[in-house]
Amino acid sequence: QTERSQPLALPPTAVAPAQQVQSARPARPEMPRVEEEDLLKWSQVAKLAKKEAELEAQQKREAKKHAQTEIRTYLQQQIDEKNSKKQKAAEDERKFCEMQDAELERWKRDQLQQAEER
């Protein structure tokens, strides 16, 4: 009877079902202890996140300014080239008119000379 009154003992190699579930999880390595003052508090994390967001915003503004400056420079070059071509065309037109006037004066002199010879 003494054998029956004792609880049923499992052999050392056998594992109870509850222990099987726990042993299926990987064992976590022991985390090193960190002093509380070394831990970042949520307020510090929020401040750092805010600083990072401000830095990103500043970098975006600077990149946008740089792109605008490049575009402005390019467009100014285009305007300068167009104005230069316009001035050159006006100068060429003026020279052409002067040549035409000189040619007309020469033709008139020739006509007067021919009329006097007749």
PDB file of N, CA and C in Angstrom:
ATOM      1  N   GLN A   1       0.798  -1.196   0.000  1.00  0.00           N
ATOM      2  CA  GLN A   1       0.000   0.000   0.000  1.00  0.00           C
ATOM      3  C   GLN A   1       0.846   1.267   0.000  1.00  0.00           C
ATOM      4  N   THR A   2       1.974   1.208   0.533  1.00  0.00           N
ATOM      5  CA  THR A   2       2.810   2.402   0.579  1.00  0.00           C
ATOM      6  C   THR A   2       3.194   2.848  -0.816  1.00  0.00           C
ATOM      7  N   GLU A   3       3.289   1.935  -1.720  1.00  0.00           N
ATOM      8  CA  GLU A   3       3.619   2.301  -3.088  1.00  0.00           C
ATOM      9  C   GLU A   3       2.506   3.108  -3.716  1.00  0.00           C
ATOM     10  N   ARG A   4       1.267   2.787  -3.391  1.00  0.00           N
ATOM     11  CA  ARG A   4       0.137   3.510  -3.972  1.00  0.00           C
ATOM     12  C   ARG A   4      -0.066   4.882  -3.353  1.00  0.00           C
ATOM     13  N   SER A   5       0.254   5.082  -2.129  1.00  0.00           N
ATOM     14  CA  SER A   5       0.006   6.355  -1.474  1.00  0.00           C
ATOM     15  C   SER A   5       1.027   7.416  -1.899  1.00  0.00           C
ATOM     16  N   GLN A   6       2.155   7.010  -2.404  1.00  0.00           N
ATOM     17  CA  GLN A   6       3.146   7.980  -2.876  1.00  0.00           C
ATOM     18  C   GLN A   6       2.734   8.483  -4.261  1.00  0.00           C
ATOM     19  N   PRO A   7       2.999   9.779  -4.546  1.00  0.00           N
ATOM     20  CA  PRO A   7       2.646  10.291  -5.879  1.00  0.00           C
ATOM     21  C   PRO A   7       3.481   9.607  -6.941  1.00  0.00           C
ATOM     22  N   LEU A   8       2.938   9.567  -8.092  1.00  0.00           N
ATOM     23  CA  LEU A   8       3.589   8.917  -9.210  1.00  0.00           C
ATOM     24  C   LEU A   8       4.787   9.758  -9.636  1.00  0.00           C
ATOM     25  N   ALA A   9       5.975   9.236  -9.605  1.00  0.00           N
ATOM     26  CA  ALA A   9       7.184   9.968  -9.976  1.00  0.00           C
ATOM     27  C   ALA A   9       7.539   9.647 -11.412  1.00  0.00           C
ATOM     28  N   LEU A  10       7.875  10.684 -12.164  1.00  0.00           N
ATOM     29  CA  LEU A  10       8.284  10.489 -13.553  1.00  0.00           C
ATOM     30  C   LEU A  10       9.781  10.235 -13.604  1.00  0.00           C
ATOM     31  N   PRO A  11      10.192   9.450 -14.542  1.00  0.00           N
ATOM     32  CA  PRO A  11      11.632   9.228 -14.664  1.00  0.00           C
ATOM     33  C   PRO A  11      12.329  10.562 -15.002  1.00  0.00           C
ATOM     34  N   PRO A  12      13.580  10.720 -14.670  1.00  0.00           N
ATOM     35  CA  PRO A  12      14.269  11.989 -14.895  1.00  0.00           C
ATOM     36  C   PRO A  12      14.290  12.417 -16.356  1.00  0.00           C
ATOM     37  N   THR A  13      14.228  11.514 -17.303  1.00  0.00           N
ATOM     38  CA  THR A  13      14.235  11.886 -18.708  1.00  0.00           C
ATOM     39  C   THR A  13      12.862  12.334 -19.182  1.00  0.00           C
ATOM     40  N   ALA A  14      11.823  11.968 -18.496  1.00  0.00           N
ATOM     41  CA  ALA A  14      10.473  12.367 -18.889  1.00  0.00           C
ATOM     42  C   ALA A  14      10.223  13.783 -18.408  1.00  0.00           C
ATOM     43  N   VAL A  15       9.482  14.558 -19.199  1.00  0.00           N
ATOM     44  CA  VAL A  15       9.177  15.954 -18.864  1.00  0.00           C
ATOM     45  C   VAL A  15       7.682  16.103 -18.813  1.00  0.00           C
ATOM     46  N   ALA A  16       7.216  16.839 -17.830  1.00  0.00           N
ATOM     47  CA  ALA A  16       5.783  17.085 -17.700  1.00  0.00           C
ATOM     48  C   ALA A  16       5.319  17.983 -18.847  1.00  0.00           C
ATOM     49  N   PRO A  17       4.039  17.904 -19.295  1.00  0.00           N
ATOM     50  CA  PRO A  17       3.559  18.704 -20.427  1.00  0.00           C
ATOM     51  C   PRO A  17       3.748  20.206 -20.241  1.00  0.00           C
ATOM     52  N   ALA A  18       3.543  20.753 -19.071  1.00  0.00           N
ATOM     53  CA  ALA A  18       3.717  22.190 -18.850  1.00  0.00           C
ATOM     54  C   ALA A  18       5.177  22.573 -19.046  1.00  0.00           C
ATOM     55  N   GLN A  19       6.070  21.716 -18.638  1.00  0.00           N
ATOM     56  CA  GLN A  19       7.494  22.002 -18.805  1.00  0.00           C
ATOM     57  C   GLN A  19       7.901  21.891 -20.270  1.00  0.00           C
ATOM     58  N   GLN A  20       7.212  21.025 -21.028  1.00  0.00           N
ATOM     59  CA  GLN A  20       7.514  20.890 -22.456  1.00  0.00           C
ATOM     60  C   GLN A  20       7.234  22.201 -23.181  1.00  0.00           C
ATOM     61  N   VAL A  21       6.134  22.855 -22.850  1.00  0.00           N
ATOM     62  CA  VAL A  21       5.769  24.111 -23.497  1.00  0.00           C
ATOM     63  C   VAL A  21       6.824  25.160 -23.180  1.00  0.00           C
ATOM     64  N   GLN A  22       7.251  25.222 -21.927  1.00  0.00           N
ATOM     65  CA  GLN A  22       8.244  26.205 -21.544  1.00  0.00           C
ATOM     66  C   GLN A  22       9.593  25.919 -22.191  1.00  0.00           C
ATOM     67  N   SER A  23       9.943  24.674 -22.337  1.00  0.00           N
ATOM     68  CA  SER A  23      11.246  24.350 -22.908  1.00  0.00           C
ATOM     69  C   SER A  23      11.242  24.538 -24.426  1.00  0.00           C
ATOM     70  N   ALA A  24      10.069  24.633 -25.058  1.00  0.00           N
ATOM     71  CA  ALA A  24      10.004  24.857 -26.494  1.00  0.00           C
ATOM     72  C   ALA A  24      10.442  26.279 -26.828  1.00  0.00           C
ATOM     73  N   ARG A  25      10.279  27.227 -25.904  1.00  0.00           N
ATOM     74  CA  ARG A  25      10.719  28.607 -26.119  1.00  0.00           C
ATOM     75  C   ARG A  25      12.234  28.668 -25.958  1.00  0.00           C
ATOM     76  N   PRO A  26      12.876  29.479 -26.769  1.00  0.00           N
ATOM     77  CA  PRO A  26      14.331  29.587 -26.592  1.00  0.00           C
ATOM     78  C   PRO A  26      14.636  30.308 -25.285  1.00  0.00           C
ATOM     79  N   ALA A  27      15.655  29.886 -24.658  1.00  0.00           N
ATOM     80  CA  ALA A  27      16.039  30.504 -23.385  1.00  0.00           C
ATOM     81  C   ALA A  27      16.629  31.876 -23.675  1.00  0.00           C
ATOM     82  N   ARG A  28      16.159  32.895 -22.956  1.00  0.00           N
ATOM     83  CA  ARG A  28      16.670  34.255 -23.149  1.00  0.00           C
ATOM     84  C   ARG A  28      17.996  34.403 -22.446  1.00  0.00           C
ATOM     85  N   PRO A  29      18.939  35.068 -23.122  1.00  0.00           N
ATOM     86  CA  PRO A  29      20.206  35.299 -22.427  1.00  0.00           C
ATOM     87  C   PRO A  29      19.984  36.336 -21.322  1.00  0.00           C
ATOM     88  N   GLU A  30      20.751  36.237 -20.337  1.00  0.00           N
ATOM     89  CA  GLU A  30      20.627  37.154 -19.205  1.00  0.00           C
ATOM     90  C   GLU A  30      21.053  38.548 -19.661  1.00  0.00           C
ATOM     91  N   MET A  31      20.176  39.535 -19.456  1.00  0.00           N
ATOM     92  CA  MET A  31      20.462  40.913 -19.848  1.00  0.00           C
ATOM     93  C   MET A  31      21.358  41.553 -18.802  1.00  0.00           C
ATOM     94  N   PRO A  32      22.352  42.330 -19.250  1.00  0.00           N
ATOM     95  CA  PRO A  32      23.209  42.999 -18.267  1.00  0.00           C
ATOM     96  C   PRO A  32      22.418  44.073 -17.530  1.00  0.00           C
ATOM     97  N   ARG A  33      22.741  44.302 -16.341  1.00  0.00           N
ATOM     98  CA  ARG A  33      22.050  45.291 -15.507  1.00  0.00           C
ATOM     99  C   ARG A  33      22.541  46.680 -15.909  1.00  0.00           C
ATOM    100  N   VAL A  34      21.592  47.602 -16.146  1.00  0.00           N
ATOM    101  CA  VAL A  34      21.925  48.972 -16.521  1.00  0.00           C
ATOM    102  C   VAL A  34      21.438  49.887 -15.420  1.00  0.00           C
ATOM    103  N   GLU A  35      22.277  50.788 -15.032  1.00  0.00           N
ATOM    104  CA  GLU A  35      21.895  51.732 -13.991  1.00  0.00           C
ATOM    105  C   GLU A  35      20.790  52.640 -14.520  1.00  0.00           C
ATOM    106  N   GLU A  36      19.921  53.085 -13.642  1.00  0.00           N
ATOM    107  CA  GLU A  36      18.766  53.883 -14.041  1.00  0.00           C
ATOM    108  C   GLU A  36      19.182  55.208 -14.668  1.00  0.00           C
ATOM    109  N   GLU A  37      20.252  55.823 -14.186  1.00  0.00           N
ATOM    110  CA  GLU A  37      20.653  57.111 -14.762  1.00  0.00           C
ATOM    111  C   GLU A  37      21.211  56.956 -16.176  1.00  0.00           C
ATOM    112  N   ASP A  38      21.639  55.724 -16.532  1.00  0.00           N
ATOM    113  CA  ASP A  38      22.135  55.477 -17.878  1.00  0.00           C
ATOM    114  C   ASP A  38      21.007  55.231 -18.871  1.00  0.00           C
ATOM    115  N   LEU A  39      19.839  54.941 -18.380  1.00  0.00           N
ATOM    116  CA  LEU A  39      18.706  54.699 -19.267  1.00  0.00           C
ATOM    117  C   LEU A  39      18.155  56.013 -19.785  1.00  0.00           C
ATOM    118  N   LEU A  40      17.713  56.018 -21.028  1.00  0.00           N
ATOM    119  CA  LEU A  40      17.068  57.212 -21.576  1.00  0.00           C
ATOM    120  C   LEU A  40      15.625  57.235 -21.117  1.00  0.00           C
ATOM    121  N   LYS A  41      15.210  58.374 -20.682  1.00  0.00           N
ATOM    122  CA  LYS A  41      13.823  58.513 -20.296  1.00  0.00           C
ATOM    123  C   LYS A  41      13.034  58.913 -21.529  1.00  0.00           C
ATOM    124  N   TRP A  42      11.736  58.699 -21.483  1.00  0.00           N
ATOM    125  CA  TRP A  42      10.888  59.011 -22.644  1.00  0.00           C
ATOM    126  C   TRP A  42      10.993  60.478 -23.026  1.00  0.00           C
ATOM    127  N   SER A  43      11.147  61.348 -22.046  1.00  0.00           N
ATOM    128  CA  SER A  43      11.276  62.770 -22.354  1.00  0.00           C
ATOM    129  C   SER A  43      12.556  63.037 -23.140  1.00  0.00           C
ATOM    130  N   GLN A  44      13.630  62.329 -22.787  1.00  0.00           N
ATOM    131  CA  GLN A  44      14.878  62.483 -23.530  1.00  0.00           C
ATOM    132  C   GLN A  44      14.734  61.935 -24.954  1.00  0.00           C
ATOM    133  N   VAL A  45      14.068  60.812 -25.082  1.00  0.00           N
ATOM    134  CA  VAL A  45      13.833  60.227 -26.399  1.00  0.00           C
ATOM    135  C   VAL A  45      13.025  61.190 -27.255  1.00  0.00           C
ATOM    136  N   ALA A  46      12.002  61.796 -26.662  1.00  0.00           N
ATOM    137  CA  ALA A  46      11.172  62.749 -27.394  1.00  0.00           C
ATOM    138  C   ALA A  46      11.986  63.964 -27.826  1.00  0.00           C
ATOM    139  N   LYS A  47      12.849  64.462 -26.929  1.00  0.00           N
ATOM    140  CA  LYS A  47      13.697  65.606 -27.273  1.00  0.00           C
ATOM    141  C   LYS A  47      14.642  65.263 -28.421  1.00  0.00           C
ATOM    142  N   LEU A  48      15.231  64.075 -28.364  1.00  0.00           N
ATOM    143  CA  LEU A  48      16.134  63.642 -29.435  1.00  0.00           C
ATOM    144  C   LEU A  48      15.386  63.495 -30.759  1.00  0.00           C
ATOM    145  N   ALA A  49      14.191  62.944 -30.702  1.00  0.00           N
ATOM    146  CA  ALA A  49      13.380  62.787 -31.917  1.00  0.00           C
ATOM    147  C   ALA A  49      13.031  64.156 -32.493  1.00  0.00           C
ATOM    148  N   LYS A  50      12.710  65.107 -31.614  1.00  0.00           N
ATOM    149  CA  LYS A  50      12.379  66.456 -32.069  1.00  0.00           C
ATOM    150  C   LYS A  50      13.592  67.113 -32.724  1.00  0.00           C
ATOM    151  N   LYS A  51      14.771  66.956 -32.106  1.00  0.00           N
ATOM    152  CA  LYS A  51      16.005  67.502 -32.679  1.00  0.00           C
ATOM    153  C   LYS A  51      16.275  66.906 -34.051  1.00  0.00           C
ATOM    154  N   GLU A  52      16.088  65.592 -34.156  1.00  0.00           N
ATOM    155  CA  GLU A  52      16.329  64.914 -35.428  1.00  0.00           C
ATOM    156  C   GLU A  52      15.358  65.410 -36.503  1.00  0.00           C
ATOM    157  N   ALA A  53      14.104  65.594 -36.130  1.00  0.00           N
ATOM    158  CA  ALA A  53      13.107  66.104 -37.077  1.00  0.00           C
ATOM    159  C   ALA A  53      13.458  67.522 -37.518  1.00  0.00           C
ATOM    160  N   GLU A  54      13.914  68.349 -36.584  1.00  0.00           N
ATOM    161  CA  GLU A  54      14.318  69.712 -36.934  1.00  0.00           C
ATOM    162  C   GLU A  54      15.516  69.711 -37.865  1.00  0.00           C
ATOM    163  N   LEU A  55      16.464  68.815 -37.588  1.00  0.00           N
ATOM    164  CA  LEU A  55      17.640  68.694 -38.457  1.00  0.00           C
ATOM    165  C   LEU A  55      17.240  68.276 -39.869  1.00  0.00           C
ATOM    166  N   GLU A  56      16.353  67.297 -39.956  1.00  0.00           N
ATOM    167  CA  GLU A  56      15.876  66.839 -41.265  1.00  0.00           C
ATOM    168  C   GLU A  56      15.174  67.962 -42.008  1.00  0.00           C
ATOM    169  N   ALA A  57      14.340  68.718 -41.294  1.00  0.00           N
ATOM    170  CA  ALA A  57      13.616  69.834 -41.917  1.00  0.00           C
ATOM    171  C   ALA A  57      14.598  70.884 -42.411  1.00  0.00           C
ATOM    172  N   GLN A  58      15.632  71.170 -41.626  1.00  0.00           N
ATOM    173  CA  GLN A  58      16.632  72.154 -42.034  1.00  0.00           C
ATOM    174  C   GLN A  58      17.385  71.663 -43.276  1.00  0.00           C
ATOM    175  N   GLN A  59      17.729  70.387 -43.306  1.00  0.00           N
ATOM    176  CA  GLN A  59      18.426  69.829 -44.465  1.00  0.00           C
ATOM    177  C   GLN A  59      17.553  69.898 -45.708  1.00  0.00           C
ATOM    178  N   LYS A  60      16.252  69.641 -45.547  1.00  0.00           N
ATOM    179  CA  LYS A  60      15.337  69.729 -46.684  1.00  0.00           C
ATOM    180  C   LYS A  60      15.259  71.167 -47.190  1.00  0.00           C
ATOM    181  N   ARG A  61      15.190  72.129 -46.240  1.00  0.00           N
ATOM    182  CA  ARG A  61      15.137  73.544 -46.643  1.00  0.00           C
ATOM    183  C   ARG A  61      16.403  73.941 -47.397  1.00  0.00           C
ATOM    184  N   GLU A  62      17.552  73.505 -46.895  1.00  0.00           N
ATOM    185  CA  GLU A  62      18.818  73.825 -47.550  1.00  0.00           C
ATOM    186  C   GLU A  62      18.901  73.189 -48.938  1.00  0.00           C
ATOM    187  N   ALA A  63      18.444  71.953 -49.060  1.00  0.00           N
ATOM    188  CA  ALA A  63      18.452  71.279 -50.360  1.00  0.00           C
ATOM    189  C   ALA A  63      17.526  72.005 -51.336  1.00  0.00           C
ATOM    190  N   LYS A  64      16.364  72.437 -50.839  1.00  0.00           N
ATOM    191  CA  LYS A  64      15.415  73.160 -51.683  1.00  0.00           C
ATOM    192  C   LYS A  64      16.012  74.495 -52.127  1.00  0.00           C
ATOM    193  N   LYS A  65      16.668  75.205 -51.201  1.00  0.00           N
ATOM    194  CA  LYS A  65      17.315  76.478 -51.532  1.00  0.00           C
ATOM    195  C   LYS A  65      18.386  76.277 -52.588  1.00  0.00           C
ATOM    196  N   HIS A  66      19.177  75.224 -52.411  1.00  0.00           N
ATOM    197  CA  HIS A  66      20.254  74.932 -53.359  1.00  0.00           C
ATOM    198  C   HIS A  66      19.676  74.653 -54.749  1.00  0.00           C
ATOM    199  N   ALA A  67      18.628  73.860 -54.807  1.00  0.00           N
ATOM    200  CA  ALA A  67      17.992  73.546 -56.093  1.00  0.00           C
ATOM    201  C   ALA A  67      17.426  74.818 -56.723  1.00  0.00           C
ATOM    202  N   GLN A  68      16.800  75.669 -55.913  1.00  0.00           N
ATOM    203  CA  GLN A  68      16.250  76.920 -56.434  1.00  0.00           C
ATOM    204  C   GLN A  68      17.357  77.820 -56.967  1.00  0.00           C
ATOM    205  N   THR A  69      18.475  77.868 -56.264  1.00  0.00           N
ATOM    206  CA  THR A  69      19.603  78.685 -56.721  1.00  0.00           C
ATOM    207  C   THR A  69      20.127  78.178 -58.056  1.00  0.00           C
ATOM    208  N   GLU A  70      20.247  76.859 -58.181  1.00  0.00           N
ATOM    209  CA  GLU A  70      20.712  76.285 -59.451  1.00  0.00           C
ATOM    210  C   GLU A  70      19.748  76.611 -60.587  1.00  0.00           C
ATOM    211  N   ILE A  71      18.458  76.479 -60.324  1.00  0.00           N
ATOM    212  CA  ILE A  71      17.455  76.771 -61.357  1.00  0.00           C
ATOM    213  C   ILE A  71      17.501  78.246 -61.723  1.00  0.00           C
ATOM    214  N   ARG A  72      17.603  79.118 -60.692  1.00  0.00           N
ATOM    215  CA  ARG A  72      17.665  80.559 -60.936  1.00  0.00           C
ATOM    216  C   ARG A  72      18.867  80.901 -61.808  1.00  0.00           C
ATOM    217  N   THR A  73      20.030  80.308 -61.496  1.00  0.00           N
ATOM    218  CA  THR A  73      21.244  80.553 -62.271  1.00  0.00           C
ATOM    219  C   THR A  73      21.061  80.095 -63.714  1.00  0.00           C
ATOM    220  N   TYR A  74      20.498  78.913 -63.891  1.00  0.00           N
ATOM    221  CA  TYR A  74      20.270  78.387 -65.236  1.00  0.00           C
ATOM    222  C   TYR A  74      19.328  79.290 -66.025  1.00  0.00           C
ATOM    223  N   LEU A  75      18.228  79.694 -65.389  1.00  0.00           N
ATOM    224  CA  LEU A  75      17.270  80.559 -66.088  1.00  0.00           C
ATOM    225  C   LEU A  75      17.873  81.925 -66.404  1.00  0.00           C
ATOM    226  N   GLN A  76      18.694  82.456 -65.495  1.00  0.00           N
ATOM    227  CA  GLN A  76      19.348  83.747 -65.756  1.00  0.00           C
ATOM    228  C   GLN A  76      20.290  83.632 -66.948  1.00  0.00           C
ATOM    229  N   GLN A  77      20.987  82.517 -67.065  1.00  0.00           N
ATOM    230  CA  GLN A  77      21.860  82.285 -68.225  1.00  0.00           C
ATOM    231  C   GLN A  77      21.037  82.276 -69.510  1.00  0.00           C
ATOM    232  N   GLN A  78      19.872  81.624 -69.453  1.00  0.00           N
ATOM    233  CA  GLN A  78      19.004  81.580 -70.631  1.00  0.00           C
ATOM    234  C   GLN A  78      18.555  82.986 -71.032  1.00  0.00           C
ATOM    235  N   ILE A  79      18.174  83.789 -70.031  1.00  0.00           N
ATOM    236  CA  ILE A  79      17.724  85.160 -70.297  1.00  0.00           C
ATOM    237  C   ILE A  79      18.869  85.983 -70.877  1.00  0.00           C
ATOM    238  N   ASP A  80      20.060  85.844 -70.295  1.00  0.00           N
ATOM    239  CA  ASP A  80      21.226  86.591 -70.779  1.00  0.00           C
ATOM    240  C   ASP A  80      21.550  86.229 -72.229  1.00  0.00           C
ATOM    241  N   GLU A  81      21.498  84.933 -72.534  1.00  0.00           N
ATOM    242  CA  GLU A  81      21.755  84.497 -73.913  1.00  0.00           C
ATOM    243  C   GLU A  81      20.722  85.072 -74.872  1.00  0.00           C
ATOM    244  N   LYS A  82      19.460  85.058 -74.471  1.00  0.00           N
ATOM    245  CA  LYS A  82      18.400  85.582 -75.327  1.00  0.00           C
ATOM    246  C   LYS A  82      18.591  87.080 -75.557  1.00  0.00           C
ATOM    247  N   ASN A  83      18.909  87.825 -74.490  1.00  0.00           N
ATOM    248  CA  ASN A  83      19.131  89.262 -74.628  1.00  0.00           C
ATOM    249  C   ASN A  83      20.340  89.546 -75.514  1.00  0.00           C
ATOM    250  N   SER A  84      21.382  88.743 -75.362  1.00  0.00           N
ATOM    251  CA  SER A  84      22.578  88.906 -76.181  1.00  0.00           C
ATOM    252  C   SER A  84      22.257  88.683 -77.659  1.00  0.00           C
ATOM    253  N   LYS A  85      21.491  87.638 -77.954  1.00  0.00           N
ATOM    254  CA  LYS A  85      21.096  87.364 -79.345  1.00  0.00           C
ATOM    255  C   LYS A  85      20.240  88.502 -79.893  1.00  0.00           C
ATOM    256  N   LYS A  86      19.365  89.017 -79.028  1.00  0.00           N
ATOM    257  CA  LYS A  86      18.502  90.129 -79.439  1.00  0.00           C
ATOM    258  C   LYS A  86      19.346  91.365 -79.781  1.00  0.00           C
ATOM    259  N   GLN A  87      20.322  91.671 -78.927  1.00  0.00           N
ATOM    260  CA  GLN A  87      21.189  92.815 -79.179  1.00  0.00           C
ATOM    261  C   GLN A  87      22.004  92.624 -80.448  1.00  0.00           C
ATOM    262  N   LYS A  88      22.503  91.409 -80.643  1.00  0.00           N
ATOM    263  CA  LYS A  88      23.286  91.129 -81.855  1.00  0.00           C
ATOM    264  C   LYS A  88      22.411  91.279 -83.092  1.00  0.00           C
ATOM    265  N   ALA A  89      21.189  90.778 -83.040  1.00  0.00           N
ATOM    266  CA  ALA A  89      20.271  90.903 -84.175  1.00  0.00           C
ATOM    267  C   ALA A  89      19.968  92.377 -84.449  1.00  0.00           C
ATOM    268  N   ALA A  90      19.773  93.182 -83.397  1.00  0.00           N
ATOM    269  CA  ALA A  90      19.506  94.614 -83.576  1.00  0.00           C
ATOM    270  C   ALA A  90      20.722  95.299 -84.191  1.00  0.00           C
ATOM    271  N   GLU A  91      21.935  94.948 -83.736  1.00  0.00           N
ATOM    272  CA  GLU A  91      23.166  95.531 -84.289  1.00  0.00           C
ATOM    273  C   GLU A  91      23.334  95.138 -85.755  1.00  0.00           C
ATOM    274  N   ASP A  92      23.073  93.873 -86.072  1.00  0.00           N
ATOM    275  CA  ASP A  92      23.164  93.419 -87.469  1.00  0.00           C
ATOM    276  C   ASP A  92      22.151  94.171 -88.342  1.00  0.00           C
ATOM    277  N   GLU A  93      20.955  94.376 -87.842  1.00  0.00           N
ATOM    278  CA  GLU A  93      19.925  95.103 -88.579  1.00  0.00           C
ATOM    279  C   GLU A  93      20.362  96.549 -88.823  1.00  0.00           C
ATOM    280  N   ARG A  94      20.947  97.177 -87.794  1.00  0.00           N
ATOM    281  CA  ARG A  94      21.415  98.563 -87.931  1.00  0.00           C
ATOM    282  C   ARG A  94      22.515  98.654 -88.992  1.00  0.00           C
ATOM    283  N   LYS A  95      23.477  97.721 -88.939  1.00  0.00           N
ATOM    284  CA  LYS A  95      24.554  97.714 -89.937  1.00  0.00           C
ATOM    285  C   LYS A  95      23.998  97.504 -91.347  1.00  0.00           C
ATOM    286  N   PHE A  96      23.031  96.599 -91.460  1.00  0.00           N
ATOM    287  CA  PHE A  96      22.425  96.333 -92.769  1.00  0.00           C
ATOM    288  C   PHE A  96      21.753  97.601 -93.313  1.00  0.00           C
ATOM    289  N   CYS A  97      21.017  98.320 -92.442  1.00  0.00           N
ATOM    290  CA  CYS A  97      20.348  99.563 -92.863  1.00  0.00           C
ATOM    291  C   CYS A  97      21.375 100.613 -93.301  1.00  0.00           C
ATOM    292  N   GLU A  98      22.483 100.720 -92.569  1.00  0.00           N
ATOM    293  CA  GLU A  98      23.533 101.673 -92.944  1.00  0.00           C
ATOM    294  C   GLU A  98      24.106 101.324 -94.304  1.00  0.00           C
ATOM    295  N   MET A  99      24.328 100.022 -94.529  1.00  0.00           N
ATOM    296  CA  MET A  99      24.854  99.588 -95.829  1.00  0.00           C
ATOM    297  C   MET A  99      23.850  99.894 -96.941  1.00  0.00           C
ATOM    298  N   GLN A 100      22.579  99.670 -96.691  1.00  0.00           N
ATOM    299  CA  GLN A 100      21.533  99.958 -97.680  1.00  0.00           C
ATOM    300  C   GLN A 100      21.497 101.459 -97.996  1.00  0.00           C
ATOM    301  N   ASP A 101      21.582 102.303 -96.931  1.00  0.00           N
ATOM    302  CA  ASP A 101      21.582 103.749 -97.133  1.00  0.00           C
ATOM    303  C   ASP A 101      22.787 104.192 -97.961  1.00  0.00           C
ATOM    304  N   ALA A 102      23.955 103.621 -97.639  1.00  0.00           N
ATOM    305  CA  ALA A 102      25.169 103.972 -98.381  1.00  0.00           C
ATOM    306  C   ALA A 102      25.027 103.543 -99.835  1.00  0.00           C
ATOM    307  N   GLU A 103      24.487 102.377-100.052  1.00  0.00           N
ATOM    308  CA  GLU A 103      24.291 101.871-101.425  1.00  0.00           C
ATOM    309  C   GLU A 103      23.312 102.752-102.185  1.00  0.00           C
ATOM    310  N   LEU A 104      22.233 103.199-101.515  1.00  0.00           N
ATOM    311  CA  LEU A 104      21.242 104.076-102.149  1.00  0.00           C
ATOM    312  C   LEU A 104      21.875 105.426-102.523  1.00  0.00           C
ATOM    313  N   GLU A 105      22.688 105.979-101.633  1.00  0.00           N
ATOM    314  CA  GLU A 105      23.372 107.247-101.921  1.00  0.00           C
ATOM    315  C   GLU A 105      24.309 107.095-103.118  1.00  0.00           C
ATOM    316  N   ARG A 106      25.043 106.005-103.180  1.00  0.00           N
ATOM    317  CA  ARG A 106      25.937 105.762-104.310  1.00  0.00           C
ATOM    318  C   ARG A 106      25.148 105.642-105.617  1.00  0.00           C
ATOM    319  N   TRP A 107      24.024 104.932-105.545  1.00  0.00           N
ATOM    320  CA  TRP A 107      23.182 104.773-106.738  1.00  0.00           C
ATOM    321  C   TRP A 107      22.650 106.129-107.213  1.00  0.00           C
ATOM    322  N   LYS A 108      22.210 106.997-106.281  1.00  0.00           N
ATOM    323  CA  LYS A 108      21.708 108.332-106.626  1.00  0.00           C
ATOM    324  C   LYS A 108      22.802 109.165-107.289  1.00  0.00           C
ATOM    325  N   ARG A 109      24.038 109.096-106.735  1.00  0.00           N
ATOM    326  CA  ARG A 109      25.154 109.843-107.339  1.00  0.00           C
ATOM    327  C   ARG A 109      25.426 109.356-108.759  1.00  0.00           C
ATOM    328  N   ASP A 110      25.401 108.018-108.891  1.00  0.00           N
ATOM    329  CA  ASP A 110      25.632 107.453-110.226  1.00  0.00           C
ATOM    330  C   ASP A 110      24.550 107.909-111.194  1.00  0.00           C
ATOM    331  N   GLN A 111      23.300 107.939-110.742  1.00  0.00           N
ATOM    332  CA  GLN A 111      22.214 108.374-111.613  1.00  0.00           C
ATOM    333  C   GLN A 111      22.364 109.837-112.009  1.00  0.00           C
ATOM    334  N   LEU A 112      22.762 110.694-111.032  1.00  0.00           N
ATOM    335  CA  LEU A 112      22.993 112.121-111.336  1.00  0.00           C
ATOM    336  C   LEU A 112      24.125 112.304-112.321  1.00  0.00           C
ATOM    337  N   GLN A 113      25.184 111.542-112.143  1.00  0.00           N
ATOM    338  CA  GLN A 113      26.333 111.611-113.045  1.00  0.00           C
ATOM    339  C   GLN A 113      25.928 111.215-114.459  1.00  0.00           C
ATOM    340  N   GLN A 114      25.159 110.141-114.554  1.00  0.00           N
ATOM    341  CA  GLN A 114      24.706 109.678-115.867  1.00  0.00           C
ATOM    342  C   GLN A 114      23.778 110.719-116.513  1.00  0.00           C
ATOM    343  N   ALA A 115      22.960 111.380-115.713  1.00  0.00           N
ATOM    344  CA  ALA A 115      22.042 112.380-116.249  1.00  0.00           C
ATOM    345  C   ALA A 115      22.814 113.597-116.737  1.00  0.00           C
ATOM    346  N   GLU A 116      23.881 113.956-116.065  1.00  0.00           N
ATOM    347  CA  GLU A 116      24.686 115.091-116.464  1.00  0.00           C
ATOM    348  C   GLU A 116      25.462 114.784-117.746  1.00  0.00           C
ATOM    349  N   GLU A 117      25.861 113.543-117.917  1.00  0.00           N
ATOM    350  CA  GLU A 117      26.602 113.137-119.100  1.00  0.00           C
ATOM    351  C   GLU A 117      25.712 113.123-120.317  1.00  0.00           C
ATOM    352  N   ARG A 118      24.468 113.041-120.233  1.00  0.00           N
ATOM    353  CA  ARG A 118      23.564 112.965-121.381  1.00  0.00           C
ATOM    354  C   ARG A 118      23.288 114.292-121.915  1.00  0.00           C
TER     355      ARG A 118
END
